[in-house]
């Protein structure tokens, strides 16, 4: 089998080599490239690959269709909305992801954004560096707040446990219950969650149901003075509607890690100029621990697929 990695997995070269070694020693070939989003470059690099490995780089149908031997797409990411699954399905190509690799990392950043907003961390940092004091910037505590989680899968559940440790009341909303959700989470309809939560934190996948879920109408149902955290997918939120709610003072603040497109953002993006907004360039998943974990997961995906017992199957 010819295996091609089309972008960095964010691990040291020695970790990548160690993960690839069993496959190479078994007689498979492995080539790794730096990320290039141009489809024609991707096609040239993919060539006659049997397996393509990517992280969050878009993989369009043009590339998938141009690879005559492609049998398996291995995605070093949880979401796969950046992969043309219809083209893969049409060619009978198996797709697996790296579910679970960043559960702790994403949950920790969600709580980090909550704490930073409540304690005015960006503002007091700026004041301290400029020889000023905290006047007018006394924060509030996370303990005792009601946190509403939209999406309570693995990451949402981990976030729920962290919030509980801080003494929060946790509400949850999800379309389909699996039976393994935390028992202390009170599951309520979406409108009730929005109305009761001091902090709304998004942990849902991007699909037809969630796209544009937090629009002007949904924001209007939130408590005045509430906070919004988005470490899920950018298109779940109407950025302009959120910016307007922040600038008007209706919402007290937002912590946003994901946007309609991958950063760098255009300078006129509304959330770069809205009040009390912490923005991070899609880093929730990125910790040293999570990068190494996903590297191990995706190479194990290939091994299991070769053995005829595929895991983390998306398609």
C-alpha atoms as a PDB file:
ATOM      1  CA  UNK A   1       0.000   0.000   0.000  1.00  0.00           C
ATOM      2  CA  UNK A   2       1.110   3.547  -0.768  1.00  0.00           C
ATOM      3  CA  UNK A   3       0.279   5.928   2.087  1.00  0.00           C
ATOM      4  CA  UNK A   4       0.459   9.708   1.620  1.00  0.00           C
ATOM      5  CA  UNK A   5       0.195  12.277   4.413  1.00  0.00           C
ATOM      6  CA  UNK A   6      -0.866  15.588   2.851  1.00  0.00           C
ATOM      7  CA  UNK A   7      -0.240  17.834   5.866  1.00  0.00           C
ATOM      8  CA  UNK A   8       1.648  17.951   9.133  1.00  0.00           C
ATOM      9  CA  UNK A   9       0.168  16.160  12.120  1.00  0.00           C
ATOM     10  CA  UNK A  10       1.801  18.651  14.478  1.00  0.00           C
ATOM     11  CA  UNK A  11       4.168  16.208  16.146  1.00  0.00           C
ATOM     12  CA  UNK A  12       7.980  16.041  16.232  1.00  0.00           C
ATOM     13  CA  UNK A  13       9.535  14.121  13.345  1.00  0.00           C
ATOM     14  CA  UNK A  14      10.655  11.336  15.666  1.00  0.00           C
ATOM     15  CA  UNK A  15       7.070  10.758  16.844  1.00  0.00           C
ATOM     16  CA  UNK A  16       5.789  10.646  13.260  1.00  0.00           C
ATOM     17  CA  UNK A  17       8.549   8.232  12.271  1.00  0.00           C
ATOM     18  CA  UNK A  18       7.835   5.965  15.232  1.00  0.00           C
ATOM     19  CA  UNK A  19       4.131   5.822  14.378  1.00  0.00           C
ATOM     20  CA  UNK A  20       4.816   5.088  10.699  1.00  0.00           C
ATOM     21  CA  UNK A  21       7.575   2.530  11.324  1.00  0.00           C
ATOM     22  CA  UNK A  22       5.401  -0.601  11.718  1.00  0.00           C
ATOM     23  CA  UNK A  23       3.714   0.085   8.384  1.00  0.00           C
ATOM     24  CA  UNK A  24       7.000   0.779   6.606  1.00  0.00           C
ATOM     25  CA  UNK A  25       8.567  -2.350   8.087  1.00  0.00           C
ATOM     26  CA  UNK A  26       5.577  -4.322   6.804  1.00  0.00           C
ATOM     27  CA  UNK A  27       6.464  -3.209   3.273  1.00  0.00           C
ATOM     28  CA  UNK A  28       4.140  -0.242   2.796  1.00  0.00           C
ATOM     29  CA  UNK A  29       5.448   3.078   1.476  1.00  0.00           C
ATOM     30  CA  UNK A  30       4.877   6.333   3.321  1.00  0.00           C
ATOM     31  CA  UNK A  31       5.401   9.904   2.127  1.00  0.00           C
ATOM     32  CA  UNK A  32       4.650  13.079   4.113  1.00  0.00           C
ATOM     33  CA  UNK A  33       4.179  16.613   2.801  1.00  0.00           C
ATOM     34  CA  UNK A  34       3.621  20.082   4.212  1.00  0.00           C
ATOM     35  CA  UNK A  35       0.103  21.406   3.794  1.00  0.00           C
ATOM     36  CA  UNK A  36      -0.909  22.846   0.445  1.00  0.00           C
ATOM     37  CA  UNK A  37      -4.575  23.661  -0.159  1.00  0.00           C
ATOM     38  CA  UNK A  38      -4.298  23.885  -3.950  1.00  0.00           C
ATOM     39  CA  UNK A  39      -6.190  20.859  -5.373  1.00  0.00           C
ATOM     40  CA  UNK A  40      -3.808  20.399  -8.288  1.00  0.00           C
ATOM     41  CA  UNK A  41      -0.832  20.221  -5.930  1.00  0.00           C
ATOM     42  CA  UNK A  42      -2.720  17.744  -3.759  1.00  0.00           C
ATOM     43  CA  UNK A  43      -3.471  15.596  -6.814  1.00  0.00           C
ATOM     44  CA  UNK A  44       0.171  15.598  -7.859  1.00  0.00           C
ATOM     45  CA  UNK A  45       1.275  14.592  -4.376  1.00  0.00           C
ATOM     46  CA  UNK A  46      -1.440  11.989  -3.871  1.00  0.00           C
ATOM     47  CA  UNK A  47      -0.678  10.281  -7.165  1.00  0.00           C
ATOM     48  CA  UNK A  48      -1.405   6.560  -6.925  1.00  0.00           C
ATOM     49  CA  UNK A  49      -1.940   6.568  -3.161  1.00  0.00           C
ATOM     50  CA  UNK A  50      -4.075   3.840  -1.636  1.00  0.00           C
ATOM     51  CA  UNK A  51      -4.406   5.835   1.596  1.00  0.00           C
ATOM     52  CA  UNK A  52      -4.598   9.595   2.083  1.00  0.00           C
ATOM     53  CA  UNK A  53      -4.040  11.122   5.511  1.00  0.00           C
ATOM     54  CA  UNK A  54      -5.125  14.676   6.339  1.00  0.00           C
ATOM     55  CA  UNK A  55      -5.982  16.724   9.425  1.00  0.00           C
ATOM     56  CA  UNK A  56      -8.237  19.765   8.883  1.00  0.00           C
ATOM     57  CA  UNK A  57      -7.115  20.525   5.326  1.00  0.00           C
ATOM     58  CA  UNK A  58     -10.045  20.641   2.865  1.00  0.00           C
ATOM     59  CA  UNK A  59     -10.173  17.564   0.648  1.00  0.00           C
ATOM     60  CA  UNK A  60     -12.501  18.182  -2.281  1.00  0.00           C
ATOM     61  CA  UNK A  61     -14.165  15.803  -4.702  1.00  0.00           C
ATOM     62  CA  UNK A  62     -11.810  16.815  -7.494  1.00  0.00           C
ATOM     63  CA  UNK A  63      -8.862  15.400  -5.560  1.00  0.00           C
ATOM     64  CA  UNK A  64     -10.681  12.281  -4.429  1.00  0.00           C
ATOM     65  CA  UNK A  65     -11.888  11.530  -7.970  1.00  0.00           C
ATOM     66  CA  UNK A  66      -8.390  12.030  -9.410  1.00  0.00           C
ATOM     67  CA  UNK A  67      -6.804   9.311  -7.235  1.00  0.00           C
ATOM     68  CA  UNK A  68      -7.345   6.039  -9.109  1.00  0.00           C
ATOM     69  CA  UNK A  69      -6.148   3.723  -6.334  1.00  0.00           C
ATOM     70  CA  UNK A  70      -7.584   5.553  -3.335  1.00  0.00           C
ATOM     71  CA  UNK A  71      -9.327   3.206  -0.911  1.00  0.00           C
ATOM     72  CA  UNK A  72      -9.065   4.866   2.501  1.00  0.00           C
ATOM     73  CA  UNK A  73      -9.119   8.468   3.775  1.00  0.00           C
ATOM     74  CA  UNK A  74      -7.707   8.803   7.290  1.00  0.00           C
ATOM     75  CA  UNK A  75      -8.711  12.073   8.960  1.00  0.00           C
ATOM     76  CA  UNK A  76      -6.624  13.248  11.926  1.00  0.00           C
ATOM     77  CA  UNK A  77      -9.516  15.315  13.215  1.00  0.00           C
ATOM     78  CA  UNK A  78     -12.885  14.746  14.852  1.00  0.00           C
ATOM     79  CA  UNK A  79     -15.101  16.621  12.385  1.00  0.00           C
ATOM     80  CA  UNK A  80     -15.064  15.582   8.728  1.00  0.00           C
ATOM     81  CA  UNK A  81     -17.136  18.379   7.190  1.00  0.00           C
ATOM     82  CA  UNK A  82     -14.006  19.468   5.276  1.00  0.00           C
ATOM     83  CA  UNK A  83     -13.975  16.184   3.334  1.00  0.00           C
ATOM     84  CA  UNK A  84     -16.233  15.598   0.313  1.00  0.00           C
ATOM     85  CA  UNK A  85     -17.908  12.514   1.709  1.00  0.00           C
ATOM     86  CA  UNK A  86     -20.267  12.169  -1.253  1.00  0.00           C
ATOM     87  CA  UNK A  87     -17.327  11.783  -3.624  1.00  0.00           C
ATOM     88  CA  UNK A  88     -15.775   9.250  -1.261  1.00  0.00           C
ATOM     89  CA  UNK A  89     -19.049   7.349  -1.031  1.00  0.00           C
ATOM     90  CA  UNK A  90     -19.422   7.317  -4.818  1.00  0.00           C
ATOM     91  CA  UNK A  91     -16.022   5.608  -5.134  1.00  0.00           C
ATOM     92  CA  UNK A  92     -16.559   3.215  -2.228  1.00  0.00           C
ATOM     93  CA  UNK A  93     -13.769   4.807  -0.206  1.00  0.00           C
ATOM     94  CA  UNK A  94     -13.674   4.139   3.528  1.00  0.00           C
ATOM     95  CA  UNK A  95     -13.255   7.180   5.821  1.00  0.00           C
ATOM     96  CA  UNK A  96     -12.162   7.135   9.461  1.00  0.00           C
ATOM     97  CA  UNK A  97     -11.499   9.993  11.880  1.00  0.00           C
ATOM     98  CA  UNK A  98      -9.543  10.485  15.096  1.00  0.00           C
ATOM     99  CA  UNK A  99     -12.469  10.702  17.484  1.00  0.00           C
ATOM    100  CA  UNK A 100     -11.491  11.364  21.078  1.00  0.00           C
ATOM    101  CA  UNK A 101      -7.969  12.659  20.569  1.00  0.00           C
ATOM    102  CA  UNK A 102      -8.722  16.209  21.749  1.00  0.00           C
ATOM    103  CA  UNK A 103     -11.513  15.717  24.270  1.00  0.00           C
ATOM    104  CA  UNK A 104      -9.517  17.032  27.219  1.00  0.00           C
ATOM    105  CA  UNK A 105      -7.819  19.807  25.240  1.00  0.00           C
ATOM    106  CA  UNK A 106     -11.059  21.265  23.865  1.00  0.00           C
ATOM    107  CA  UNK A 107     -12.898  21.004  27.171  1.00  0.00           C
ATOM    108  CA  UNK A 108     -10.046  22.776  28.958  1.00  0.00           C
ATOM    109  CA  UNK A 109     -10.023  25.663  26.474  1.00  0.00           C
ATOM    110  CA  UNK A 110     -13.790  26.053  26.805  1.00  0.00           C
ATOM    111  CA  UNK A 111     -13.420  26.481  30.557  1.00  0.00           C
ATOM    112  CA  UNK A 112     -10.346  28.678  30.055  1.00  0.00           C
ATOM    113  CA  UNK A 113     -12.419  31.045  27.904  1.00  0.00           C
ATOM    114  CA  UNK A 114     -15.188  31.092  30.511  1.00  0.00           C
ATOM    115  CA  UNK A 115     -12.768  31.986  33.289  1.00  0.00           C
ATOM    116  CA  UNK A 116     -10.940  34.577  31.183  1.00  0.00           C
ATOM    117  CA  UNK A 117     -14.188  36.359  30.349  1.00  0.00           C
ATOM    118  CA  UNK A 118     -15.588  36.260  33.872  1.00  0.00           C
ATOM    119  CA  UNK A 119     -12.341  37.507  35.430  1.00  0.00           C
ATOM    120  CA  UNK A 120     -11.606  40.086  32.699  1.00  0.00           C
ATOM    121  CA  UNK A 121      -8.195  38.536  32.022  1.00  0.00           C
ATOM    122  CA  UNK A 122      -7.423  40.360  28.742  1.00  0.00           C
ATOM    123  CA  UNK A 123      -8.423  43.735  30.215  1.00  0.00           C
ATOM    124  CA  UNK A 124      -6.535  43.435  33.500  1.00  0.00           C
ATOM    125  CA  UNK A 125      -3.462  42.131  31.679  1.00  0.00           C
ATOM    126  CA  UNK A 126      -3.489  45.213  29.452  1.00  0.00           C
ATOM    127  CA  UNK A 127      -3.975  47.533  32.427  1.00  0.00           C
ATOM    128  CA  UNK A 128      -1.205  45.966  34.471  1.00  0.00           C
ATOM    129  CA  UNK A 129       1.240  46.261  31.550  1.00  0.00           C
ATOM    130  CA  UNK A 130       0.361  49.934  31.207  1.00  0.00           C
ATOM    131  CA  UNK A 131       0.793  50.920  34.850  1.00  0.00           C
ATOM    132  CA  UNK A 132      -2.891  50.992  35.717  1.00  0.00           C
ATOM    133  CA  UNK A 133      -5.055  49.286  38.330  1.00  0.00           C
ATOM    134  CA  UNK A 134      -8.214  47.165  38.250  1.00  0.00           C
ATOM    135  CA  UNK A 135     -10.705  49.995  38.803  1.00  0.00           C
ATOM    136  CA  UNK A 136     -14.068  48.993  37.385  1.00  0.00           C
ATOM    137  CA  UNK A 137     -12.883  45.513  36.430  1.00  0.00           C
ATOM    138  CA  UNK A 138     -13.790  43.354  39.419  1.00  0.00           C
ATOM    139  CA  UNK A 139     -14.759  40.000  37.930  1.00  0.00           C
ATOM    140  CA  UNK A 140     -17.238  37.301  38.836  1.00  0.00           C
ATOM    141  CA  UNK A 141     -16.771  33.631  39.741  1.00  0.00           C
ATOM    142  CA  UNK A 142     -17.570  30.615  37.612  1.00  0.00           C
ATOM    143  CA  UNK A 143     -18.803  28.763  40.689  1.00  0.00           C
ATOM    144  CA  UNK A 144     -22.552  29.054  41.033  1.00  0.00           C
ATOM    145  CA  UNK A 145     -23.147  29.901  37.368  1.00  0.00           C
ATOM    146  CA  UNK A 146     -25.506  27.927  35.152  1.00  0.00           C
ATOM    147  CA  UNK A 147     -23.660  26.598  32.122  1.00  0.00           C
ATOM    148  CA  UNK A 148     -25.693  25.350  29.175  1.00  0.00           C
ATOM    149  CA  UNK A 149     -23.973  22.873  26.858  1.00  0.00           C
ATOM    150  CA  UNK A 150     -25.306  22.528  23.316  1.00  0.00           C
ATOM    151  CA  UNK A 151     -23.964  19.135  22.351  1.00  0.00           C
ATOM    152  CA  UNK A 152     -23.122  16.640  25.088  1.00  0.00           C
ATOM    153  CA  UNK A 153     -20.969  14.045  23.402  1.00  0.00           C
ATOM    154  CA  UNK A 154     -17.472  13.203  24.587  1.00  0.00           C
ATOM    155  CA  UNK A 155     -16.204  16.803  24.638  1.00  0.00           C
ATOM    156  CA  UNK A 156     -19.427  18.243  25.993  1.00  0.00           C
ATOM    157  CA  UNK A 157     -19.480  15.611  28.731  1.00  0.00           C
ATOM    158  CA  UNK A 158     -15.888  16.361  29.705  1.00  0.00           C
ATOM    159  CA  UNK A 159     -16.697  20.070  29.788  1.00  0.00           C
ATOM    160  CA  UNK A 160     -19.699  19.283  31.975  1.00  0.00           C
ATOM    161  CA  UNK A 161     -17.469  17.474  34.466  1.00  0.00           C
ATOM    162  CA  UNK A 162     -14.998  20.368  34.601  1.00  0.00           C
ATOM    163  CA  UNK A 163     -17.810  22.881  35.111  1.00  0.00           C
ATOM    164  CA  UNK A 164     -19.289  20.725  37.840  1.00  0.00           C
ATOM    165  CA  UNK A 165     -15.910  20.708  39.604  1.00  0.00           C
ATOM    166  CA  UNK A 166     -16.105  24.509  39.669  1.00  0.00           C
ATOM    167  CA  UNK A 167     -19.543  24.333  41.305  1.00  0.00           C
ATOM    168  CA  UNK A 168     -21.682  25.096  38.262  1.00  0.00           C
ATOM    169  CA  UNK A 169     -25.227  24.010  37.541  1.00  0.00           C
ATOM    170  CA  UNK A 170     -25.035  22.251  34.151  1.00  0.00           C
ATOM    171  CA  UNK A 171     -27.816  22.137  31.577  1.00  0.00           C
ATOM    172  CA  UNK A 172     -27.586  20.110  28.385  1.00  0.00           C
ATOM    173  CA  UNK A 173     -29.240  19.913  25.005  1.00  0.00           C
ATOM    174  CA  UNK A 174     -28.719  17.228  22.380  1.00  0.00           C
ATOM    175  CA  UNK A 175     -30.904  15.775  19.663  1.00  0.00           C
ATOM    176  CA  UNK A 176     -30.208  12.126  20.351  1.00  0.00           C
ATOM    177  CA  UNK A 177     -29.569  10.641  23.788  1.00  0.00           C
ATOM    178  CA  UNK A 178     -27.211   7.636  23.918  1.00  0.00           C
ATOM    179  CA  UNK A 179     -27.648   6.762  27.569  1.00  0.00           C
ATOM    180  CA  UNK A 180     -24.068   7.480  28.647  1.00  0.00           C
ATOM    181  CA  UNK A 181     -24.526  11.196  29.370  1.00  0.00           C
ATOM    182  CA  UNK A 182     -23.446  12.532  32.796  1.00  0.00           C
ATOM    183  CA  UNK A 183     -26.222  11.931  35.310  1.00  0.00           C
ATOM    184  CA  UNK A 184     -25.830  15.365  36.921  1.00  0.00           C
ATOM    185  CA  UNK A 185     -26.618  17.222  33.663  1.00  0.00           C
ATOM    186  CA  UNK A 186     -30.206  18.453  33.408  1.00  0.00           C
ATOM    187  CA  UNK A 187     -31.331  17.979  29.821  1.00  0.00           C
ATOM    188  CA  UNK A 188     -33.809  20.582  28.623  1.00  0.00           C
ATOM    189  CA  UNK A 189     -35.200  21.893  25.318  1.00  0.00           C
ATOM    190  CA  UNK A 190     -32.936  24.322  23.466  1.00  0.00           C
ATOM    191  CA  UNK A 191     -35.062  27.398  24.141  1.00  0.00           C
ATOM    192  CA  UNK A 192     -35.077  26.649  27.870  1.00  0.00           C
ATOM    193  CA  UNK A 193     -31.321  26.164  27.906  1.00  0.00           C
ATOM    194  CA  UNK A 194     -30.795  29.509  26.191  1.00  0.00           C
ATOM    195  CA  UNK A 195     -33.141  31.278  28.593  1.00  0.00           C
ATOM    196  CA  UNK A 196     -31.655  29.821  31.800  1.00  0.00           C
ATOM    197  CA  UNK A 197     -27.909  29.742  31.101  1.00  0.00           C
ATOM    198  CA  UNK A 198     -25.411  32.321  32.310  1.00  0.00           C
ATOM    199  CA  UNK A 199     -22.926  30.785  29.870  1.00  0.00           C
ATOM    200  CA  UNK A 200     -23.816  28.907  26.694  1.00  0.00           C
ATOM    201  CA  UNK A 201     -21.024  26.663  25.400  1.00  0.00           C
ATOM    202  CA  UNK A 202     -21.192  25.007  21.980  1.00  0.00           C
ATOM    203  CA  UNK A 203     -19.956  21.429  21.506  1.00  0.00           C
ATOM    204  CA  UNK A 204     -22.062  20.205  18.585  1.00  0.00           C
ATOM    205  CA  UNK A 205     -20.917  18.962  15.171  1.00  0.00           C
ATOM    206  CA  UNK A 206     -21.583  20.981  12.042  1.00  0.00           C
ATOM    207  CA  UNK A 207     -24.470  19.564  10.024  1.00  0.00           C
ATOM    208  CA  UNK A 208     -27.704  20.727   8.433  1.00  0.00           C
ATOM    209  CA  UNK A 209     -29.384  20.970  11.841  1.00  0.00           C
ATOM    210  CA  UNK A 210     -26.648  22.978  13.566  1.00  0.00           C
ATOM    211  CA  UNK A 211     -25.596  25.348  10.772  1.00  0.00           C
ATOM    212  CA  UNK A 212     -26.713  28.835  11.812  1.00  0.00           C
ATOM    213  CA  UNK A 213     -28.204  27.459  15.032  1.00  0.00           C
ATOM    214  CA  UNK A 214     -27.116  30.489  17.068  1.00  0.00           C
ATOM    215  CA  UNK A 215     -28.689  33.221  14.968  1.00  0.00           C
ATOM    216  CA  UNK A 216     -30.396  36.476  15.933  1.00  0.00           C
ATOM    217  CA  UNK A 217     -33.520  34.663  17.083  1.00  0.00           C
ATOM    218  CA  UNK A 218     -31.564  32.256  19.291  1.00  0.00           C
ATOM    219  CA  UNK A 219     -29.436  35.047  20.765  1.00  0.00           C
ATOM    220  CA  UNK A 220     -32.604  36.982  21.620  1.00  0.00           C
ATOM    221  CA  UNK A 221     -33.698  33.998  23.725  1.00  0.00           C
ATOM    222  CA  UNK A 222     -30.485  34.082  25.786  1.00  0.00           C
ATOM    223  CA  UNK A 223     -30.325  35.850  29.133  1.00  0.00           C
ATOM    224  CA  UNK A 224     -29.296  39.475  28.991  1.00  0.00           C
ATOM    225  CA  UNK A 225     -25.704  39.593  30.195  1.00  0.00           C
ATOM    226  CA  UNK A 226     -24.953  35.961  29.284  1.00  0.00           C
ATOM    227  CA  UNK A 227     -21.749  34.720  27.650  1.00  0.00           C
ATOM    228  CA  UNK A 228     -21.271  32.539  24.572  1.00  0.00           C
ATOM    229  CA  UNK A 229     -18.393  30.082  24.057  1.00  0.00           C
ATOM    230  CA  UNK A 230     -17.784  28.433  20.681  1.00  0.00           C
ATOM    231  CA  UNK A 231     -15.166  25.693  20.452  1.00  0.00           C
ATOM    232  CA  UNK A 232     -17.303  23.618  18.072  1.00  0.00           C
ATOM    233  CA  UNK A 233     -17.633  24.837  14.475  1.00  0.00           C
ATOM    234  CA  UNK A 234     -17.727  28.422  13.228  1.00  0.00           C
ATOM    235  CA  UNK A 235     -20.827  28.199  10.987  1.00  0.00           C
ATOM    236  CA  UNK A 236     -22.955  27.162  13.976  1.00  0.00           C
ATOM    237  CA  UNK A 237     -22.962  30.873  14.915  1.00  0.00           C
ATOM    238  CA  UNK A 238     -24.062  33.920  12.918  1.00  0.00           C
ATOM    239  CA  UNK A 239     -20.977  36.049  13.583  1.00  0.00           C
ATOM    240  CA  UNK A 240     -22.585  39.358  12.672  1.00  0.00           C
ATOM    241  CA  UNK A 241     -25.601  38.690  14.881  1.00  0.00           C
ATOM    242  CA  UNK A 242     -23.299  37.774  17.760  1.00  0.00           C
ATOM    243  CA  UNK A 243     -21.150  40.874  17.242  1.00  0.00           C
ATOM    244  CA  UNK A 244     -24.254  43.067  17.231  1.00  0.00           C
ATOM    245  CA  UNK A 245     -25.470  41.519  20.493  1.00  0.00           C
ATOM    246  CA  UNK A 246     -22.062  42.080  22.091  1.00  0.00           C
ATOM    247  CA  UNK A 247     -21.740  45.666  20.874  1.00  0.00           C
ATOM    248  CA  UNK A 248     -25.241  46.539  22.064  1.00  0.00           C
ATOM    249  CA  UNK A 249     -24.460  45.148  25.521  1.00  0.00           C
ATOM    250  CA  UNK A 250     -27.173  42.500  25.326  1.00  0.00           C
ATOM    251  CA  UNK A 251     -24.537  39.777  25.742  1.00  0.00           C
ATOM    252  CA  UNK A 252     -21.687  40.354  28.184  1.00  0.00           C
ATOM    253  CA  UNK A 253     -18.946  38.563  26.271  1.00  0.00           C
ATOM    254  CA  UNK A 254     -17.890  35.738  23.990  1.00  0.00           C
ATOM    255  CA  UNK A 255     -14.984  33.321  23.640  1.00  0.00           C
ATOM    256  CA  UNK A 256     -14.623  32.193  20.036  1.00  0.00           C
ATOM    257  CA  UNK A 257     -12.118  29.642  18.744  1.00  0.00           C
ATOM    258  CA  UNK A 258     -13.762  28.790  15.405  1.00  0.00           C
ATOM    259  CA  UNK A 259     -15.048  30.850  12.503  1.00  0.00           C
ATOM    260  CA  UNK A 260     -16.700  30.468   9.105  1.00  0.00           C
ATOM    261  CA  UNK A 261     -13.248  29.928   7.611  1.00  0.00           C
ATOM    262  CA  UNK A 262      -9.932  28.933   9.102  1.00  0.00           C
ATOM    263  CA  UNK A 263      -7.795  31.836  10.405  1.00  0.00           C
ATOM    264  CA  UNK A 264      -6.092  34.063   9.470  1.00  0.00           C
ATOM    265  CA  UNK A 265      -9.282  36.113   9.333  1.00  0.00           C
ATOM    266  CA  UNK A 266     -10.011  39.119   7.171  1.00  0.00           C
ATOM    267  CA  UNK A 267      -9.390  42.330   9.098  1.00  0.00           C
ATOM    268  CA  UNK A 268     -13.057  43.325   8.911  1.00  0.00           C
ATOM    269  CA  UNK A 269     -14.411  40.159  10.533  1.00  0.00           C
ATOM    270  CA  UNK A 270     -17.107  41.394  12.961  1.00  0.00           C
ATOM    271  CA  UNK A 271     -15.840  39.390  15.939  1.00  0.00           C
ATOM    272  CA  UNK A 272     -12.423  41.008  15.715  1.00  0.00           C
ATOM    273  CA  UNK A 273     -14.079  44.321  16.589  1.00  0.00           C
ATOM    274  CA  UNK A 274     -16.890  43.369  18.967  1.00  0.00           C
ATOM    275  CA  UNK A 275     -16.902  44.239  22.655  1.00  0.00           C
ATOM    276  CA  UNK A 276     -15.456  41.871  25.272  1.00  0.00           C
ATOM    277  CA  UNK A 277     -14.662  39.134  22.770  1.00  0.00           C
ATOM    278  CA  UNK A 278     -11.731  36.742  23.166  1.00  0.00           C
ATOM    279  CA  UNK A 279     -10.748  35.215  19.836  1.00  0.00           C
ATOM    280  CA  UNK A 280      -8.296  32.351  19.336  1.00  0.00           C
ATOM    281  CA  UNK A 281      -7.232  30.931  15.930  1.00  0.00           C
ATOM    282  CA  UNK A 282      -8.748  27.436  16.195  1.00  0.00           C
ATOM    283  CA  UNK A 283      -6.404  26.134  18.876  1.00  0.00           C
ATOM    284  CA  UNK A 284      -8.791  24.261  21.173  1.00  0.00           C
ATOM    285  CA  UNK A 285      -7.687  20.860  19.882  1.00  0.00           C
ATOM    286  CA  UNK A 286      -3.982  21.731  19.797  1.00  0.00           C
ATOM    287  CA  UNK A 287      -1.997  20.533  22.795  1.00  0.00           C
ATOM    288  CA  UNK A 288       1.206  18.528  22.765  1.00  0.00           C
ATOM    289  CA  UNK A 289      -0.679  15.637  24.332  1.00  0.00           C
ATOM    290  CA  UNK A 290      -3.559  15.711  21.844  1.00  0.00           C
ATOM    291  CA  UNK A 291      -1.272  15.983  18.809  1.00  0.00           C
ATOM    292  CA  UNK A 292       0.630  12.870  19.833  1.00  0.00           C
ATOM    293  CA  UNK A 293      -2.611  11.046  20.634  1.00  0.00           C
ATOM    294  CA  UNK A 294      -4.126  11.751  17.231  1.00  0.00           C
ATOM    295  CA  UNK A 295      -0.951  10.693  15.451  1.00  0.00           C
ATOM    296  CA  UNK A 296      -1.135   7.315  17.178  1.00  0.00           C
ATOM    297  CA  UNK A 297      -4.880   7.039  16.465  1.00  0.00           C
ATOM    298  CA  UNK A 298      -4.647   7.656  12.712  1.00  0.00           C
ATOM    299  CA  UNK A 299      -1.799   5.209  12.188  1.00  0.00           C
ATOM    300  CA  UNK A 300      -3.724   2.647  14.212  1.00  0.00           C
ATOM    301  CA  UNK A 301      -6.715   3.390  11.948  1.00  0.00           C
ATOM    302  CA  UNK A 302      -4.647   2.304   8.946  1.00  0.00           C
ATOM    303  CA  UNK A 303      -3.434  -0.859  10.676  1.00  0.00           C
ATOM    304  CA  UNK A 304      -6.952  -1.850  11.672  1.00  0.00           C
ATOM    305  CA  UNK A 305      -8.267  -1.115   8.168  1.00  0.00           C
ATOM    306  CA  UNK A 306      -5.548  -3.287   6.638  1.00  0.00           C
ATOM    307  CA  UNK A 307      -6.528  -6.077   9.035  1.00  0.00           C
ATOM    308  CA  UNK A 308     -10.158  -5.809   7.905  1.00  0.00           C
ATOM    309  CA  UNK A 309     -11.423  -4.472  11.223  1.00  0.00           C
ATOM    310  CA  UNK A 310     -11.724  -0.719  10.601  1.00  0.00           C
ATOM    311  CA  UNK A 311     -12.266   1.591  13.592  1.00  0.00           C
ATOM    312  CA  UNK A 312     -13.436   5.188  14.017  1.00  0.00           C
ATOM    313  CA  UNK A 313     -15.493   4.659  10.871  1.00  0.00           C
ATOM    314  CA  UNK A 314     -17.261   7.702   9.441  1.00  0.00           C
ATOM    315  CA  UNK A 315     -18.043   6.222   6.037  1.00  0.00           C
END
